[in-house]
Amino acid sequence: MLLISASEAGLTIGDFEIARGVAEFIEVIAIVAIVIGVIVSVIAGVTQWLRIDSDTGFETFKRFIARGLLIGLDLLIAADVIKTVTLEGTIESALVLGLLVLIRTFLSWTLVLEVRGRWPWQQTAESGAGGTGSR
């Protein structure tokens, strides 16, 4: 009979650590997302460069690579939260997680600035002063 239990090594079923496995799987997905983002951004940027001009190609490249990085960063944060909460329940690991989240949040904001041309909390031109914006 398999029992689900919490141990010092993390949430386990038998000898398999679920939390560690899930966190590592999410990290792999994050790496794949970033790699795919880089490949797609290079292809899209070169295509636009050849069809239109180098400035359009560069802007396309920046937009696509930023999106891939944003997805990857969000997934890495999720993996870190899982590891910290389930595997490394110490004050030190929580502080390290907090620092990582701050750094990754700043990186995410700067990537959003690159993609959208505004900070995440700024309203779009279409939303006006009283609207919430659709993006």
Protein backbone atom coordinates (compact mmCIF):
# COMPACT_ATOMS: atom_id res chain seq x y z
CA MET A 1 0.00 0.00 0.00
CA LEU A 2 1.37 3.44 -0.95
CA LEU A 3 1.14 6.10 1.69
CA ILE A 4 1.53 9.80 1.02
CA SER A 5 3.55 11.41 3.78
CA ALA A 6 5.58 14.49 4.51
CA SER A 7 9.14 13.78 5.57
CA GLU A 8 12.29 15.84 6.05
CA ALA A 9 13.20 15.16 2.44
CA GLY A 10 9.86 16.49 1.18
CA LEU A 11 6.47 15.13 0.19
CA THR A 12 6.93 11.47 -0.75
CA ILE A 13 5.08 8.46 -2.10
CA GLY A 14 7.15 5.48 -1.12
CA ASP A 15 10.71 6.46 -1.98
CA PHE A 16 9.79 9.03 -4.67
CA GLU A 17 9.91 12.67 -3.68
CA ILE A 18 6.96 14.28 -5.41
CA ALA A 19 7.84 17.89 -4.67
CA ARG A 20 11.44 17.58 -5.87
CA GLY A 21 10.33 15.75 -9.02
CA VAL A 22 7.63 18.32 -9.81
CA ALA A 23 9.99 21.26 -9.19
CA GLU A 24 12.69 19.74 -11.40
CA PHE A 25 10.13 19.01 -14.13
CA ILE A 26 8.95 22.64 -14.05
CA GLU A 27 12.58 23.81 -14.25
CA VAL A 28 13.09 21.67 -17.35
CA ILE A 29 9.93 23.14 -18.90
CA ALA A 30 11.29 26.63 -18.11
CA ILE A 31 14.56 25.86 -19.86
CA VAL A 32 12.71 24.46 -22.88
CA ALA A 33 10.48 27.57 -22.99
CA ILE A 34 13.51 29.86 -22.97
CA VAL A 35 15.30 27.85 -25.67
CA ILE A 36 12.18 27.78 -27.85
CA GLY A 37 11.77 31.52 -27.26
CA VAL A 38 15.33 32.16 -28.44
CA ILE A 39 14.89 29.99 -31.55
CA VAL A 40 11.54 31.56 -32.46
CA SER A 41 12.85 35.09 -31.85
CA VAL A 42 15.87 34.53 -34.10
CA ILE A 43 13.69 33.09 -36.89
CA ALA A 44 11.07 35.86 -36.57
CA GLY A 45 13.71 38.60 -36.34
CA VAL A 46 15.65 37.39 -39.37
CA THR A 47 12.42 36.96 -41.35
CA GLN A 48 11.34 40.53 -40.59
CA TRP A 49 14.83 41.83 -41.30
CA LEU A 50 14.82 40.17 -44.72
CA ARG A 51 11.23 41.20 -45.57
CA ILE A 52 11.12 44.74 -44.18
CA ASP A 53 14.30 46.18 -42.64
CA SER A 54 16.84 45.67 -39.86
CA ASP A 55 15.04 47.91 -37.34
CA THR A 56 11.80 45.94 -37.67
CA GLY A 57 13.74 42.70 -37.45
CA PHE A 58 15.48 43.81 -34.27
CA GLU A 59 12.22 44.97 -32.63
CA THR A 60 10.57 41.65 -33.55
CA PHE A 61 13.53 39.76 -32.10
CA LYS A 62 13.36 41.74 -28.84
CA ARG A 63 9.60 41.19 -28.46
CA PHE A 64 9.77 37.45 -29.07
CA ILE A 65 12.81 36.80 -26.88
CA ALA A 66 11.32 38.85 -24.02
CA ARG A 67 8.13 36.79 -24.14
CA GLY A 68 10.08 33.53 -23.98
CA LEU A 69 12.14 34.83 -21.08
CA LEU A 70 9.02 36.00 -19.22
CA ILE A 71 7.47 32.54 -19.48
CA GLY A 72 10.72 30.91 -18.39
CA LEU A 73 11.14 33.25 -15.42
CA ASP A 74 7.56 32.64 -14.24
CA LEU A 75 8.09 28.89 -14.41
CA LEU A 76 11.40 29.12 -12.53
CA ILE A 77 9.69 31.13 -9.77
CA ALA A 78 6.99 28.46 -9.51
CA ALA A 79 9.64 25.73 -9.18
CA ASP A 80 11.49 27.73 -6.51
CA VAL A 81 8.28 28.24 -4.53
CA ILE A 82 7.54 24.51 -4.62
CA LYS A 83 11.07 23.62 -3.49
CA THR A 84 11.16 26.21 -0.73
CA VAL A 85 7.73 25.47 0.69
CA THR A 86 7.92 21.68 0.56
CA LEU A 87 11.60 20.78 0.71
CA GLU A 88 13.59 23.54 2.37
CA GLY A 89 11.37 24.95 5.09
CA THR A 90 13.93 27.19 6.78
CA ILE A 91 14.05 30.94 7.31
CA GLU A 92 17.25 31.12 5.25
CA SER A 93 15.68 29.33 2.27
CA ALA A 94 12.60 31.57 2.50
CA LEU A 95 14.82 34.67 2.46
CA VAL A 96 16.75 33.34 -0.54
CA LEU A 97 13.43 32.66 -2.30
CA GLY A 98 12.28 36.20 -1.50
CA LEU A 99 15.47 37.64 -2.98
CA LEU A 100 15.12 35.47 -6.10
CA VAL A 101 11.50 36.54 -6.53
CA LEU A 102 12.51 40.21 -6.21
CA ILE A 103 15.26 39.84 -8.80
CA ARG A 104 13.06 37.88 -11.20
CA THR A 105 10.17 40.33 -10.72
CA PHE A 106 12.46 43.24 -11.63
CA LEU A 107 13.66 41.30 -14.69
CA SER A 108 10.05 40.57 -15.65
CA TRP A 109 9.13 44.24 -15.34
CA THR A 110 12.02 45.32 -17.54
CA LEU A 111 11.09 42.68 -20.11
CA VAL A 112 7.48 43.93 -20.12
CA LEU A 113 8.87 47.43 -20.64
CA GLU A 114 10.82 46.15 -23.66
CA VAL A 115 7.79 44.32 -25.13
CA ARG A 116 5.02 46.84 -24.45
CA GLY A 117 6.95 50.08 -24.15
CA ARG A 118 5.51 50.81 -20.70
CA TRP A 119 5.79 49.54 -17.14
CA PRO A 120 3.32 46.78 -16.17
CA TRP A 121 1.35 49.10 -13.86
CA GLN A 122 0.95 51.88 -16.44
CA GLN A 123 -2.30 52.18 -18.35
CA THR A 124 -2.38 51.70 -22.10
CA ALA A 125 -3.21 54.63 -24.35
CA GLU A 126 -6.45 52.85 -25.39
CA SER A 127 -7.71 52.48 -21.81
CA GLY A 128 -7.74 56.20 -21.02
CA ALA A 129 -7.62 57.64 -17.53
CA GLY A 130 -10.61 55.73 -16.18
CA GLY A 131 -10.21 52.38 -17.90
CA THR A 132 -8.42 49.25 -16.86
CA GLY A 133 -6.92 48.33 -20.21
CA SER A 134 -7.32 45.11 -22.11
CA ARG A 135 -3.71 43.92 -21.97
